[in-house]
Amino acid sequence: SFPKAENLDLLVALSQEACNTYYPYLKQGGV
């Protein structure tokens, strides 16, 4: 029903900037 990802189960970060920016969106227990 809602297509946007806001509570991530998996974050793949291939740069430092991406990791810094998106890590806060990774849910508790996410990978």
Full PDB file with SEQRES, HELIX, SHEET, SSBOND, CRYST1, ORIGX, SCALE, CONECT and MASTER records, all heavy atoms in Angstrom:
SEQRES   1 A   31  SER PHE PRO LYS ALA GLU ASN LEU ASP LEU LEU VAL ALA          
SEQRES   2 A   31  LEU SER GLN GLU ALA CYS ASN THR TYR TYR PRO TYR LEU          
SEQRES   3 A   31  LYS GLN GLY GLY VAL                                          
HELIX    1 AA1 GLN A   16  TYR A   22  1                                   7    
HELIX    2 AA2 TYR A   23  TYR A   25  5                                   3    
CRYST1    1.000    1.000    1.000  90.00  90.00  90.00 P 1           1          
ORIGX1      1.000000  0.000000  0.000000        0.00000                         
ORIGX2      0.000000  1.000000  0.000000        0.00000                         
ORIGX3      0.000000  0.000000  1.000000        0.00000                         
SCALE1      1.000000  0.000000  0.000000        0.00000                         
SCALE2      0.000000  1.000000  0.000000        0.00000                         
SCALE3      0.000000  0.000000  1.000000        0.00000                         
ATOM      1  N   SER A   1       0.819  -1.219   0.000  1.00  0.00           N  
ATOM      2  CA  SER A   1       0.000   0.000   0.000  1.00  0.00           C  
ATOM      3  C   SER A   1       0.852   1.270   0.000  1.00  0.00           C  
ATOM      4  O   SER A   1       0.436   2.305  -0.507  1.00  0.00           O  
ATOM      5  CB  SER A   1      -0.934   0.008   1.221  1.00  0.00           C  
ATOM      6  OG  SER A   1      -0.181  -0.105   2.408  1.00  0.00           O  
ATOM      7  N   PHE A   2       2.057   1.183   0.570  1.00  0.00           N  
ATOM      8  CA  PHE A   2       2.956   2.349   0.622  1.00  0.00           C  
ATOM      9  C   PHE A   2       4.298   1.946   0.030  1.00  0.00           C  
ATOM     10  O   PHE A   2       4.997   1.095   0.589  1.00  0.00           O  
ATOM     11  CB  PHE A   2       3.117   2.819   2.070  1.00  0.00           C  
ATOM     12  CG  PHE A   2       3.936   4.075   2.206  1.00  0.00           C  
ATOM     13  CD1 PHE A   2       3.457   5.295   1.733  1.00  0.00           C  
ATOM     14  CD2 PHE A   2       5.190   4.043   2.797  1.00  0.00           C  
ATOM     15  CE1 PHE A   2       4.211   6.451   1.855  1.00  0.00           C  
ATOM     16  CE2 PHE A   2       5.941   5.195   2.933  1.00  0.00           C  
ATOM     17  CZ  PHE A   2       5.446   6.409   2.459  1.00  0.00           C  
ATOM     18  N   PRO A   3       4.676   2.508  -1.126  1.00  0.00           N  
ATOM     19  CA  PRO A   3       5.842   2.004  -1.858  1.00  0.00           C  
ATOM     20  C   PRO A   3       7.198   2.491  -1.366  1.00  0.00           C  
ATOM     21  O   PRO A   3       8.230   1.981  -1.807  1.00  0.00           O  
ATOM     22  CB  PRO A   3       5.591   2.522  -3.283  1.00  0.00           C  
ATOM     23  CG  PRO A   3       4.821   3.790  -3.078  1.00  0.00           C  
ATOM     24  CD  PRO A   3       3.950   3.547  -1.874  1.00  0.00           C  
ATOM     25  N   LYS A   4       7.231   3.458  -0.467  1.00  0.00           N  
ATOM     26  CA  LYS A   4       8.519   4.024  -0.057  1.00  0.00           C  
ATOM     27  C   LYS A   4       9.110   3.267   1.135  1.00  0.00           C  
ATOM     28  O   LYS A   4       8.394   2.843   2.032  1.00  0.00           O  
ATOM     29  CB  LYS A   4       8.365   5.505   0.278  1.00  0.00           C  
ATOM     30  CG  LYS A   4       8.046   6.352  -0.941  1.00  0.00           C  
ATOM     31  CD  LYS A   4       8.066   7.831  -0.602  1.00  0.00           C  
ATOM     32  CE  LYS A   4       7.804   8.671  -1.857  1.00  0.00           C  
ATOM     33  NZ  LYS A   4       7.828  10.118  -1.573  1.00  0.00           N  
ATOM     34  N   ALA A   5      10.440   3.140   1.119  1.00  0.00           N  
ATOM     35  CA  ALA A   5      11.152   2.455   2.202  1.00  0.00           C  
ATOM     36  C   ALA A   5      11.588   3.479   3.248  1.00  0.00           C  
ATOM     37  O   ALA A   5      12.315   4.416   2.938  1.00  0.00           O  
ATOM     38  CB  ALA A   5      12.366   1.726   1.647  1.00  0.00           C  
ATOM     39  N   GLU A   6      11.138   3.279   4.493  1.00  0.00           N  
ATOM     40  CA  GLU A   6      11.470   4.215   5.565  1.00  0.00           C  
ATOM     41  C   GLU A   6      11.932   3.516   6.840  1.00  0.00           C  
ATOM     42  O   GLU A   6      12.399   4.154   7.767  1.00  0.00           O  
ATOM     43  CB  GLU A   6      10.250   5.092   5.895  1.00  0.00           C  
ATOM     44  CG  GLU A   6       9.840   6.026   4.758  1.00  0.00           C  
ATOM     45  CD  GLU A   6       8.679   6.923   5.133  1.00  0.00           C  
ATOM     46  OE1 GLU A   6       7.926   6.554   6.057  1.00  0.00           O  
ATOM     47  OE2 GLU A   6       8.541   7.984   4.502  1.00  0.00           O  
ATOM     48  N   ASN A   7      11.782   2.197   6.870  1.00  0.00           N  
ATOM     49  CA  ASN A   7      12.146   1.417   8.054  1.00  0.00           C  
ATOM     50  C   ASN A   7      12.883   0.174   7.562  1.00  0.00           C  
ATOM     51  O   ASN A   7      12.312  -0.901   7.436  1.00  0.00           O  
ATOM     52  CB  ASN A   7      10.874   1.062   8.839  1.00  0.00           C  
ATOM     53  CG  ASN A   7      11.162   0.583  10.237  1.00  0.00           C  
ATOM     54  OD1 ASN A   7      12.182   0.923  10.829  1.00  0.00           O  
ATOM     55  ND2 ASN A   7      10.266  -0.232  10.775  1.00  0.00           N  
ATOM     56  N   LEU A   8      14.164   0.325   7.281  1.00  0.00           N  
ATOM     57  CA  LEU A   8      14.917  -0.636   6.471  1.00  0.00           C  
ATOM     58  C   LEU A   8      15.235  -1.933   7.214  1.00  0.00           C  
ATOM     59  O   LEU A   8      15.716  -1.916   8.344  1.00  0.00           O  
ATOM     60  CB  LEU A   8      16.228  -0.005   5.999  1.00  0.00           C  
ATOM     61  CG  LEU A   8      16.115   1.336   5.272  1.00  0.00           C  
ATOM     62  CD1 LEU A   8      17.502   1.880   4.950  1.00  0.00           C  
ATOM     63  CD2 LEU A   8      15.278   1.196   3.992  1.00  0.00           C  
ATOM     64  N   ASP A   9      15.000  -3.049   6.525  1.00  0.00           N  
ATOM     65  CA  ASP A   9      15.449  -4.353   7.010  1.00  0.00           C  
ATOM     66  C   ASP A   9      16.887  -4.625   6.592  1.00  0.00           C  
ATOM     67  O   ASP A   9      17.619  -5.332   7.291  1.00  0.00           O  
ATOM     68  CB  ASP A   9      14.546  -5.462   6.445  1.00  0.00           C  
ATOM     69  CG  ASP A   9      13.130  -5.353   6.958  1.00  0.00           C  
ATOM     70  OD1 ASP A   9      12.870  -5.836   8.069  1.00  0.00           O  
ATOM     71  OD2 ASP A   9      12.284  -4.757   6.257  1.00  0.00           O  
ATOM     72  N   LEU A  10      17.267  -4.084   5.442  1.00  0.00           N  
ATOM     73  CA  LEU A  10      18.618  -4.272   4.916  1.00  0.00           C  
ATOM     74  C   LEU A  10      19.094  -2.971   4.283  1.00  0.00           C  
ATOM     75  O   LEU A  10      18.404  -2.404   3.437  1.00  0.00           O  
ATOM     76  CB  LEU A  10      18.636  -5.396   3.872  1.00  0.00           C  
ATOM     77  CG  LEU A  10      19.924  -5.571   3.052  1.00  0.00           C  
ATOM     78  CD1 LEU A  10      21.093  -5.951   3.965  1.00  0.00           C  
ATOM     79  CD2 LEU A  10      19.735  -6.624   1.963  1.00  0.00           C  
ATOM     80  N   LEU A  11      20.258  -2.511   4.713  1.00  0.00           N  
ATOM     81  CA  LEU A  11      20.903  -1.350   4.097  1.00  0.00           C  
ATOM     82  C   LEU A  11      22.222  -1.794   3.496  1.00  0.00           C  
ATOM     83  O   LEU A  11      23.084  -2.338   4.199  1.00  0.00           O  
ATOM     84  CB  LEU A  11      21.154  -0.250   5.138  1.00  0.00           C  
ATOM     85  CG  LEU A  11      22.004   0.941   4.664  1.00  0.00           C  
ATOM     86  CD1 LEU A  11      21.340   1.679   3.506  1.00  0.00           C  
ATOM     87  CD2 LEU A  11      22.295   1.905   5.823  1.00  0.00           C  
ATOM     88  N   VAL A  12      22.376  -1.588   2.198  1.00  0.00           N  
ATOM     89  CA  VAL A  12      23.632  -1.848   1.508  1.00  0.00           C  
ATOM     90  C   VAL A  12      24.266  -0.486   1.238  1.00  0.00           C  
ATOM     91  O   VAL A  12      23.726   0.311   0.473  1.00  0.00           O  
ATOM     92  CB  VAL A  12      23.402  -2.604   0.184  1.00  0.00           C  
ATOM     93  CG1 VAL A  12      24.735  -2.847  -0.530  1.00  0.00           C  
ATOM     94  CG2 VAL A  12      22.678  -3.923   0.437  1.00  0.00           C  
ATOM     95  N   ALA A  13      25.392  -0.202   1.887  1.00  0.00           N  
ATOM     96  CA  ALA A  13      26.057   1.098   1.750  1.00  0.00           C  
ATOM     97  C   ALA A  13      27.429   0.896   1.109  1.00  0.00           C  
ATOM     98  O   ALA A  13      28.309   0.261   1.703  1.00  0.00           O  
ATOM     99  CB  ALA A  13      26.198   1.770   3.106  1.00  0.00           C  
ATOM    100  N   LEU A  14      27.581   1.441  -0.086  1.00  0.00           N  
ATOM    101  CA  LEU A  14      28.822   1.249  -0.847  1.00  0.00           C  
ATOM    102  C   LEU A  14      29.713   2.487  -0.834  1.00  0.00           C  
ATOM    103  O   LEU A  14      30.662   2.575  -1.606  1.00  0.00           O  
ATOM    104  CB  LEU A  14      28.476   0.845  -2.289  1.00  0.00           C  
ATOM    105  CG  LEU A  14      27.609  -0.413  -2.416  1.00  0.00           C  
ATOM    106  CD1 LEU A  14      27.328  -0.725  -3.876  1.00  0.00           C  
ATOM    107  CD2 LEU A  14      28.262  -1.612  -1.737  1.00  0.00           C  
ATOM    108  N   SER A  15      29.411   3.442   0.033  1.00  0.00           N  
ATOM    109  CA  SER A  15      30.274   4.609   0.245  1.00  0.00           C  
ATOM    110  C   SER A  15      30.076   5.103   1.668  1.00  0.00           C  
ATOM    111  O   SER A  15      29.046   4.821   2.296  1.00  0.00           O  
ATOM    112  CB  SER A  15      29.945   5.727  -0.750  1.00  0.00           C  
ATOM    113  OG  SER A  15      28.721   6.353  -0.424  1.00  0.00           O  
ATOM    114  N   GLN A  16      31.061   5.855   2.162  1.00  0.00           N  
ATOM    115  CA  GLN A  16      30.965   6.379   3.528  1.00  0.00           C  
ATOM    116  C   GLN A  16      29.791   7.344   3.667  1.00  0.00           C  
ATOM    117  O   GLN A  16      29.051   7.307   4.656  1.00  0.00           O  
ATOM    118  CB  GLN A  16      32.281   7.092   3.901  1.00  0.00           C  
ATOM    119  CG  GLN A  16      32.329   7.578   5.337  1.00  0.00           C  
ATOM    120  CD  GLN A  16      32.426   6.437   6.329  1.00  0.00           C  
ATOM    121  OE1 GLN A  16      33.362   5.641   6.286  1.00  0.00           O  
ATOM    122  NE2 GLN A  16      31.461   6.335   7.240  1.00  0.00           N  
ATOM    123  N   GLU A  17      29.629   8.212   2.676  1.00  0.00           N  
ATOM    124  CA  GLU A  17      28.537   9.186   2.732  1.00  0.00           C  
ATOM    125  C   GLU A  17      27.175   8.499   2.790  1.00  0.00           C  
ATOM    126  O   GLU A  17      26.294   8.892   3.565  1.00  0.00           O  
ATOM    127  CB  GLU A  17      28.600  10.115   1.522  1.00  0.00           C  
ATOM    128  CG  GLU A  17      27.522  11.189   1.520  1.00  0.00           C  
ATOM    129  CD  GLU A  17      27.518  12.044   0.259  1.00  0.00           C  
ATOM    130  OE1 GLU A  17      28.352  11.804  -0.635  1.00  0.00           O  
ATOM    131  OE2 GLU A  17      26.669  12.938   0.173  1.00  0.00           O  
ATOM    132  N   ALA A  18      27.002   7.470   1.970  1.00  0.00           N  
ATOM    133  CA  ALA A  18      25.732   6.734   1.960  1.00  0.00           C  
ATOM    134  C   ALA A  18      25.480   6.080   3.310  1.00  0.00           C  
ATOM    135  O   ALA A  18      24.355   6.098   3.829  1.00  0.00           O  
ATOM    136  CB  ALA A  18      25.737   5.693   0.851  1.00  0.00           C  
ATOM    137  N   CYS A  19      26.523   5.516   3.887  1.00  0.00           N  
ATOM    138  CA  CYS A  19      26.384   4.862   5.183  1.00  0.00           C  
ATOM    139  C   CYS A  19      25.975   5.875   6.257  1.00  0.00           C  
ATOM    140  O   CYS A  19      25.053   5.635   7.040  1.00  0.00           O  
ATOM    141  CB  CYS A  19      27.702   4.187   5.558  1.00  0.00           C  
ATOM    142  SG  CYS A  19      27.599   3.198   7.055  1.00  0.00           S  
ATOM    143  N   ASN A  20      26.648   7.020   6.268  1.00  0.00           N  
ATOM    144  CA  ASN A  20      26.343   8.056   7.266  1.00  0.00           C  
ATOM    145  C   ASN A  20      24.908   8.571   7.106  1.00  0.00           C  
ATOM    146  O   ASN A  20      24.205   8.825   8.085  1.00  0.00           O  
ATOM    147  CB  ASN A  20      27.312   9.229   7.129  1.00  0.00           C  
ATOM    148  CG  ASN A  20      28.739   8.844   7.456  1.00  0.00           C  
ATOM    149  OD1 ASN A  20      28.999   7.798   8.034  1.00  0.00           O  
ATOM    150  ND2 ASN A  20      29.681   9.692   7.067  1.00  0.00           N  
ATOM    151  N   THR A  21      24.485   8.743   5.850  1.00  0.00           N  
ATOM    152  CA  THR A  21      23.179   9.340   5.570  1.00  0.00           C  
ATOM    153  C   THR A  21      22.026   8.396   5.895  1.00  0.00           C  
ATOM    154  O   THR A  21      21.008   8.811   6.465  1.00  0.00           O  
ATOM    155  CB  THR A  21      23.091   9.748   4.085  1.00  0.00           C  
ATOM    156  OG1 THR A  21      24.135  10.683   3.804  1.00  0.00           O  
ATOM    157  CG2 THR A  21      21.746  10.393   3.773  1.00  0.00           C  
ATOM    158  N   TYR A  22      22.174   7.117   5.553  1.00  0.00           N  
ATOM    159  CA  TYR A  22      21.024   6.207   5.606  1.00  0.00           C  
ATOM    160  C   TYR A  22      21.001   5.245   6.788  1.00  0.00           C  
ATOM    161  O   TYR A  22      19.982   4.600   7.027  1.00  0.00           O  
ATOM    162  CB  TYR A  22      20.935   5.424   4.291  1.00  0.00           C  
ATOM    163  CG  TYR A  22      20.755   6.318   3.098  1.00  0.00           C  
ATOM    164  CD1 TYR A  22      21.641   6.275   2.018  1.00  0.00           C  
ATOM    165  CD2 TYR A  22      19.715   7.242   3.049  1.00  0.00           C  
ATOM    166  CE1 TYR A  22      21.484   7.114   0.927  1.00  0.00           C  
ATOM    167  CE2 TYR A  22      19.551   8.084   1.956  1.00  0.00           C  
ATOM    168  CZ  TYR A  22      20.433   8.011   0.910  1.00  0.00           C  
ATOM    169  OH  TYR A  22      20.278   8.849  -0.173  1.00  0.00           O  
ATOM    170  N   TYR A  23      22.102   5.158   7.529  1.00  0.00           N  
ATOM    171  CA  TYR A  23      22.115   4.245   8.678  1.00  0.00           C  
ATOM    172  C   TYR A  23      20.979   4.526   9.677  1.00  0.00           C  
ATOM    173  O   TYR A  23      20.387   3.579  10.228  1.00  0.00           O  
ATOM    174  CB  TYR A  23      23.476   4.280   9.384  1.00  0.00           C  
ATOM    175  CG  TYR A  23      23.523   3.411  10.611  1.00  0.00           C  
ATOM    176  CD1 TYR A  23      23.515   2.017  10.499  1.00  0.00           C  
ATOM    177  CD2 TYR A  23      23.535   3.972  11.888  1.00  0.00           C  
ATOM    178  CE1 TYR A  23      23.535   1.207  11.619  1.00  0.00           C  
ATOM    179  CE2 TYR A  23      23.548   3.166  13.013  1.00  0.00           C  
ATOM    180  CZ  TYR A  23      23.551   1.791  12.882  1.00  0.00           C  
ATOM    181  OH  TYR A  23      23.558   1.005  13.998  1.00  0.00           O  
ATOM    182  N   PRO A  24      20.627   5.808   9.928  1.00  0.00           N  
ATOM    183  CA  PRO A  24      19.522   6.072  10.865  1.00  0.00           C  
ATOM    184  C   PRO A  24      18.179   5.462  10.445  1.00  0.00           C  
ATOM    185  O   PRO A  24      17.273   5.330  11.277  1.00  0.00           O  
ATOM    186  CB  PRO A  24      19.435   7.604  10.890  1.00  0.00           C  
ATOM    187  CG  PRO A  24      20.810   8.065  10.525  1.00  0.00           C  
ATOM    188  CD  PRO A  24      21.281   7.067   9.514  1.00  0.00           C  
ATOM    189  N   TYR A  25      18.036   5.083   9.164  1.00  0.00           N  
ATOM    190  CA  TYR A  25      16.778   4.500   8.685  1.00  0.00           C  
ATOM    191  C   TYR A  25      16.724   2.976   8.874  1.00  0.00           C  
ATOM    192  O   TYR A  25      15.700   2.359   8.596  1.00  0.00           O  
ATOM    193  CB  TYR A  25      16.576   4.825   7.201  1.00  0.00           C  
ATOM    194  CG  TYR A  25      16.388   6.298   6.928  1.00  0.00           C  
ATOM    195  CD1 TYR A  25      17.493   7.112   6.655  1.00  0.00           C  
ATOM    196  CD2 TYR A  25      15.121   6.879   6.948  1.00  0.00           C  
ATOM    197  CE1 TYR A  25      17.334   8.477   6.413  1.00  0.00           C  
ATOM    198  CE2 TYR A  25      14.956   8.239   6.700  1.00  0.00           C  
ATOM    199  CZ  TYR A  25      16.063   9.023   6.441  1.00  0.00           C  
ATOM    200  OH  TYR A  25      15.905  10.373   6.201  1.00  0.00           O  
ATOM    201  N   LEU A  26      17.834   2.390   9.327  1.00  0.00           N  
ATOM    202  CA  LEU A  26      17.880   0.937   9.519  1.00  0.00           C  
ATOM    203  C   LEU A  26      17.154   0.578  10.814  1.00  0.00           C  
ATOM    204  O   LEU A  26      17.455   1.109  11.877  1.00  0.00           O  
ATOM    205  CB  LEU A  26      19.336   0.468   9.585  1.00  0.00           C  
ATOM    206  CG  LEU A  26      19.585  -1.040   9.591  1.00  0.00           C  
ATOM    207  CD1 LEU A  26      19.158  -1.672   8.268  1.00  0.00           C  
ATOM    208  CD2 LEU A  26      21.065  -1.327   9.860  1.00  0.00           C  
ATOM    209  N   LYS A  27      16.187  -0.319  10.723  1.00  0.00           N  
ATOM    210  CA  LYS A  27      15.403  -0.684  11.910  1.00  0.00           C  
ATOM    211  C   LYS A  27      16.251  -1.484  12.892  1.00  0.00           C  
ATOM    212  O   LYS A  27      17.293  -2.049  12.525  1.00  0.00           O  
ATOM    213  CB  LYS A  27      14.165  -1.482  11.512  1.00  0.00           C  
ATOM    214  CG  LYS A  27      14.470  -2.860  10.947  1.00  0.00           C  
ATOM    215  CD  LYS A  27      13.244  -3.775  10.891  1.00  0.00           C  
ATOM    216  CE  LYS A  27      12.138  -3.233  10.037  1.00  0.00           C  
ATOM    217  NZ  LYS A  27      11.081  -4.243   9.801  1.00  0.00           N  
ATOM    218  N   GLN A  28      15.803  -1.551  14.131  1.00  0.00           N  
ATOM    219  CA  GLN A  28      16.487  -2.362  15.131  1.00  0.00           C  
ATOM    220  C   GLN A  28      16.457  -3.821  14.679  1.00  0.00           C  
ATOM    221  O   GLN A  28      15.400  -4.354  14.349  1.00  0.00           O  
ATOM    222  CB  GLN A  28      15.804  -2.212  16.486  1.00  0.00           C  
ATOM    223  CG  GLN A  28      16.570  -2.884  17.615  1.00  0.00           C  
ATOM    224  CD  GLN A  28      15.964  -2.592  18.976  1.00  0.00           C  
ATOM    225  OE1 GLN A  28      14.995  -1.858  19.076  1.00  0.00           O  
ATOM    226  NE2 GLN A  28      16.529  -3.161  20.016  1.00  0.00           N  
ATOM    227  N   GLY A  29      17.618  -4.454  14.651  1.00  0.00           N  
ATOM    228  CA  GLY A  29      17.704  -5.831  14.170  1.00  0.00           C  
ATOM    229  C   GLY A  29      17.925  -5.922  12.677  1.00  0.00           C  
ATOM    230  O   GLY A  29      18.116  -7.010  12.130  1.00  0.00           O  
ATOM    231  N   GLY A  30      17.899  -4.758  11.981  1.00  0.00           N  
ATOM    232  CA  GLY A  30      18.172  -4.740  10.545  1.00  0.00           C  
ATOM    233  C   GLY A  30      19.634  -5.040  10.261  1.00  0.00           C  
ATOM    234  O   GLY A  30      20.487  -4.970  11.156  1.00  0.00           O  
ATOM    235  N   VAL A  31      19.932  -5.360   9.020  1.00  0.00           N  
ATOM    236  CA  VAL A  31      21.283  -5.793   8.639  1.00  0.00           C  
ATOM    237  C   VAL A  31      21.955  -4.729   7.774  1.00  0.00           C  
ATOM    238  O   VAL A  31      21.356  -4.213   6.828  1.00  0.00           O  
ATOM    239  CB  VAL A  31      21.229  -7.143   7.889  1.00  0.00           C  
ATOM    240  CG1 VAL A  31      22.608  -7.558   7.415  1.00  0.00           C  
ATOM    241  CG2 VAL A  31      20.639  -8.214   8.804  1.00  0.00           C  
TER     242      VAL A  31                                                      
MASTER        0    0    0    2    0    0    0    6  241    1    0    3          
END                                                                             
